[in-house]
Amino acid sequence: QVRLVESGGGMVQAGGSLTLSCAASVNAFSFLAVGWFRQAPGKGRELVARMYSSSNINYADSVTGRFTISRDNAGKMVYLQMNNLKPEDMAVYYCNIGGQGASTTPGAYWGQGTQVTVSS
C-alpha cells in the first residue's frame, strides 16, 4: 500500500522560505516521477513542480527561480525548497508520486496535504 506523508508547512512572511518534505512508502520509488501540487481556496489543484530525474524537471512558471524540487531515492523522500514566498503561494501543498517523466499530469498517489500560509 502506498503512503505519502508531507511535513514542513506553516506560516511565513512574504519573502521568507519554507522546505516541504514528503516521506514515501512505495515500491520502486526511484523509477517513479515525484511532484508537488497545490490548491488554493476556490481554485483547482495545480502543478508546482514535477521531477523524474535531475535532468527531467518541470516547474510551473509562477515558481520558476524561487522553488526547487529534489528527491532522495535511497531515503524515499521528496523535498520542495520554497524561497521568496509570495501571498499568492498560499495553498495546501500535496505530494504526488506515480508515472514516469515530468509532465503536468499527476501520478496516481497523493499525500494528505500540508498548509502553507504566507502573510503580506
C-alpha atoms as a PDB file:
ATOM      1  CA  GLN A   1       0.000   0.000   0.000  1.00  0.00           C
ATOM      2  CA  VAL A   2       1.327   3.430  -0.955  1.00  0.00           C
ATOM      3  CA  ARG A   3       1.569   6.078   1.739  1.00  0.00           C
ATOM      4  CA  LEU A   4       2.834   9.639   1.374  1.00  0.00           C
ATOM      5  CA  VAL A   5       3.303  11.862   4.420  1.00  0.00           C
ATOM      6  CA  GLU A   6       4.048  15.566   3.991  1.00  0.00           C
ATOM      7  CA  SER A   7       5.587  17.845   6.574  1.00  0.00           C
ATOM      8  CA  GLY A   8       7.114  21.291   6.770  1.00  0.00           C
ATOM      9  CA  GLY A   9       4.158  23.505   6.067  1.00  0.00           C
ATOM     10  CA  GLY A  10       3.415  26.511   8.210  1.00  0.00           C
ATOM     11  CA  MET A  11       3.121  30.254   8.270  1.00  0.00           C
ATOM     12  CA  VAL A  12       5.767  32.584   6.916  1.00  0.00           C
ATOM     13  CA  GLN A  13       6.003  36.234   5.969  1.00  0.00           C
ATOM     14  CA  ALA A  14       6.253  37.247   2.350  1.00  0.00           C
ATOM     15  CA  GLY A  15       9.839  36.919   1.182  1.00  0.00           C
ATOM     16  CA  GLY A  16      10.500  34.078   3.575  1.00  0.00           C
ATOM     17  CA  SER A  17      11.348  30.443   2.950  1.00  0.00           C
ATOM     18  CA  LEU A  18       9.972  27.026   3.779  1.00  0.00           C
ATOM     19  CA  THR A  19      11.000  23.491   2.926  1.00  0.00           C
ATOM     20  CA  LEU A  20       8.357  20.816   2.453  1.00  0.00           C
ATOM     21  CA  SER A  21       9.211  17.159   2.864  1.00  0.00           C
ATOM     22  CA  CYS A  22       7.384  14.049   1.741  1.00  0.00           C
ATOM     23  CA  ALA A  23       8.159  10.594   3.067  1.00  0.00           C
ATOM     24  CA  ALA A  24       7.049   7.848   0.716  1.00  0.00           C
ATOM     25  CA  SER A  25       6.225   4.253   1.416  1.00  0.00           C
ATOM     26  CA  VAL A  26       6.145   2.811  -2.085  1.00  0.00           C
ATOM     27  CA  ASN A  27       7.950   0.148  -4.037  1.00  0.00           C
ATOM     28  CA  ALA A  28      10.267   1.104  -6.886  1.00  0.00           C
ATOM     29  CA  PHE A  29      10.400   4.721  -5.701  1.00  0.00           C
ATOM     30  CA  SER A  30      13.414   5.564  -7.842  1.00  0.00           C
ATOM     31  CA  PHE A  31      11.543   4.583 -11.006  1.00  0.00           C
ATOM     32  CA  LEU A  32       8.574   6.864 -10.335  1.00  0.00           C
ATOM     33  CA  ALA A  33       8.056  10.540 -11.025  1.00  0.00           C
ATOM     34  CA  VAL A  34       7.542  12.710  -7.942  1.00  0.00           C
ATOM     35  CA  GLY A  35       5.919  16.071  -7.660  1.00  0.00           C
ATOM     36  CA  TRP A  36       4.202  18.772  -5.693  1.00  0.00           C
ATOM     37  CA  PHE A  37       0.823  20.235  -6.495  1.00  0.00           C
ATOM     38  CA  ARG A  38      -1.109  22.918  -4.657  1.00  0.00           C
ATOM     39  CA  GLN A  39      -4.671  24.032  -4.209  1.00  0.00           C
ATOM     40  CA  ALA A  40      -5.701  27.474  -3.044  1.00  0.00           C
ATOM     41  CA  PRO A  41      -9.201  28.179  -1.692  1.00  0.00           C
ATOM     42  CA  GLY A  42     -11.731  28.300  -4.512  1.00  0.00           C
ATOM     43  CA  LYS A  43      -9.232  27.122  -7.105  1.00  0.00           C
ATOM     44  CA  GLY A  44      -8.324  23.852  -8.742  1.00  0.00           C
ATOM     45  CA  ARG A  45      -5.276  21.790  -7.946  1.00  0.00           C
ATOM     46  CA  GLU A  46      -2.272  22.908  -9.978  1.00  0.00           C
ATOM     47  CA  LEU A  47       1.208  21.696 -10.693  1.00  0.00           C
ATOM     48  CA  VAL A  48       4.020  23.286  -8.718  1.00  0.00           C
ATOM     49  CA  ALA A  49       6.881  21.025  -9.760  1.00  0.00           C
ATOM     50  CA  ARG A  50       7.349  17.501 -11.043  1.00  0.00           C
ATOM     51  CA  MET A  51      10.568  15.542 -11.277  1.00  0.00           C
ATOM     52  CA  TYR A  52      11.628  12.277 -12.813  1.00  0.00           C
ATOM     53  CA  SER A  53      15.372  12.770 -12.660  1.00  0.00           C
ATOM     54  CA  SER A  54      17.754  15.666 -12.130  1.00  0.00           C
ATOM     55  CA  SER A  55      17.639  16.292 -15.868  1.00  0.00           C
ATOM     56  CA  ASN A  56      13.888  15.943 -16.196  1.00  0.00           C
ATOM     57  CA  ILE A  57      12.087  18.541 -14.088  1.00  0.00           C
ATOM     58  CA  ASN A  58       9.050  20.661 -14.802  1.00  0.00           C
ATOM     59  CA  TYR A  59       8.206  23.807 -12.829  1.00  0.00           C
ATOM     60  CA  ALA A  60       5.153  25.991 -13.014  1.00  0.00           C
ATOM     61  CA  ASP A  61       6.057  29.370 -14.475  1.00  0.00           C
ATOM     62  CA  SER A  62       4.890  31.084 -11.305  1.00  0.00           C
ATOM     63  CA  VAL A  63       7.506  29.338  -9.147  1.00  0.00           C
ATOM     64  CA  THR A  64      10.443  29.039 -11.542  1.00  0.00           C
ATOM     65  CA  GLY A  65      13.549  30.528  -9.983  1.00  0.00           C
ATOM     66  CA  ARG A  66      12.050  30.512  -6.490  1.00  0.00           C
ATOM     67  CA  PHE A  67      11.202  26.853  -5.788  1.00  0.00           C
ATOM     68  CA  THR A  68      13.418  23.779  -6.098  1.00  0.00           C
ATOM     69  CA  ILE A  69      12.241  20.183  -6.103  1.00  0.00           C
ATOM     70  CA  SER A  70      14.593  17.386  -5.146  1.00  0.00           C
ATOM     71  CA  ARG A  71      14.450  13.711  -4.279  1.00  0.00           C
ATOM     72  CA  ASP A  72      16.402  11.236  -2.184  1.00  0.00           C
ATOM     73  CA  ASN A  73      15.874   7.828  -3.744  1.00  0.00           C
ATOM     74  CA  ALA A  74      17.652   5.920  -1.003  1.00  0.00           C
ATOM     75  CA  GLY A  75      15.517   7.512   1.696  1.00  0.00           C
ATOM     76  CA  LYS A  76      12.366   7.643  -0.436  1.00  0.00           C
ATOM     77  CA  MET A  77      11.974  11.365   0.238  1.00  0.00           C
ATOM     78  CA  VAL A  78      10.787  14.287  -1.864  1.00  0.00           C
ATOM     79  CA  TYR A  79      11.544  17.899  -0.993  1.00  0.00           C
ATOM     80  CA  LEU A  80      10.338  21.304  -2.109  1.00  0.00           C
ATOM     81  CA  GLN A  81      12.518  24.246  -1.173  1.00  0.00           C
ATOM     82  CA  MET A  82      10.451  27.418  -1.430  1.00  0.00           C
ATOM     83  CA  ASN A  83      12.207  30.787  -1.373  1.00  0.00           C
ATOM     84  CA  ASN A  84      10.898  34.315  -1.719  1.00  0.00           C
ATOM     85  CA  LEU A  85       7.393  33.202  -0.890  1.00  0.00           C
ATOM     86  CA  LYS A  86       4.530  35.397  -2.028  1.00  0.00           C
ATOM     87  CA  PRO A  87       0.957  35.692  -0.733  1.00  0.00           C
ATOM     88  CA  GLU A  88      -0.235  34.009  -3.936  1.00  0.00           C
ATOM     89  CA  ASP A  89       1.765  30.906  -2.978  1.00  0.00           C
ATOM     90  CA  MET A  90      -0.591  30.322  -0.057  1.00  0.00           C
ATOM     91  CA  ALA A  91      -2.314  26.965  -0.550  1.00  0.00           C
ATOM     92  CA  VAL A  92      -2.469  23.371   0.575  1.00  0.00           C
ATOM     93  CA  TYR A  93       0.513  21.595  -0.938  1.00  0.00           C
ATOM     94  CA  TYR A  94       0.228  17.939  -1.916  1.00  0.00           C
ATOM     95  CA  CYS A  95       2.964  15.420  -2.545  1.00  0.00           C
ATOM     96  CA  ASN A  96       2.334  13.243  -5.586  1.00  0.00           C
ATOM     97  CA  ILE A  97       4.000  10.102  -6.913  1.00  0.00           C
ATOM     98  CA  GLY A  98       3.458   7.924  -9.951  1.00  0.00           C
ATOM     99  CA  GLY A  99       4.164   7.512 -13.613  1.00  0.00           C
ATOM    100  CA  GLN A 100       7.319   8.473 -15.447  1.00  0.00           C
ATOM    101  CA  GLY A 101       8.517  11.709 -16.967  1.00  0.00           C
ATOM    102  CA  ALA A 102       7.877  15.211 -15.722  1.00  0.00           C
ATOM    103  CA  SER A 103       4.638  16.066 -17.432  1.00  0.00           C
ATOM    104  CA  THR A 104       1.966  18.164 -15.788  1.00  0.00           C
ATOM    105  CA  THR A 105      -0.233  15.108 -15.394  1.00  0.00           C
ATOM    106  CA  PRO A 106      -0.088  13.908 -11.800  1.00  0.00           C
ATOM    107  CA  GLY A 107       0.710  10.379 -10.758  1.00  0.00           C
ATOM    108  CA  ALA A 108      -1.758   8.106  -9.059  1.00  0.00           C
ATOM    109  CA  TYR A 109      -0.795   8.635  -5.452  1.00  0.00           C
ATOM    110  CA  TRP A 110      -1.372  11.634  -3.185  1.00  0.00           C
ATOM    111  CA  GLY A 111      -0.429  12.715   0.287  1.00  0.00           C
ATOM    112  CA  GLN A 112      -2.850  14.306   2.694  1.00  0.00           C
ATOM    113  CA  GLY A 113      -1.572  17.830   2.089  1.00  0.00           C
ATOM    114  CA  THR A 114       0.180  20.433   4.184  1.00  0.00           C
ATOM    115  CA  GLN A 115      -0.901  24.048   4.570  1.00  0.00           C
ATOM    116  CA  VAL A 116       1.393  26.892   3.558  1.00  0.00           C
ATOM    117  CA  THR A 117       0.297  30.337   4.701  1.00  0.00           C
ATOM    118  CA  VAL A 118       2.091  33.478   3.531  1.00  0.00           C
ATOM    119  CA  SER A 119       1.352  36.775   5.195  1.00  0.00           C
ATOM    120  CA  SER A 120       1.930  40.057   3.430  1.00  0.00           C
END
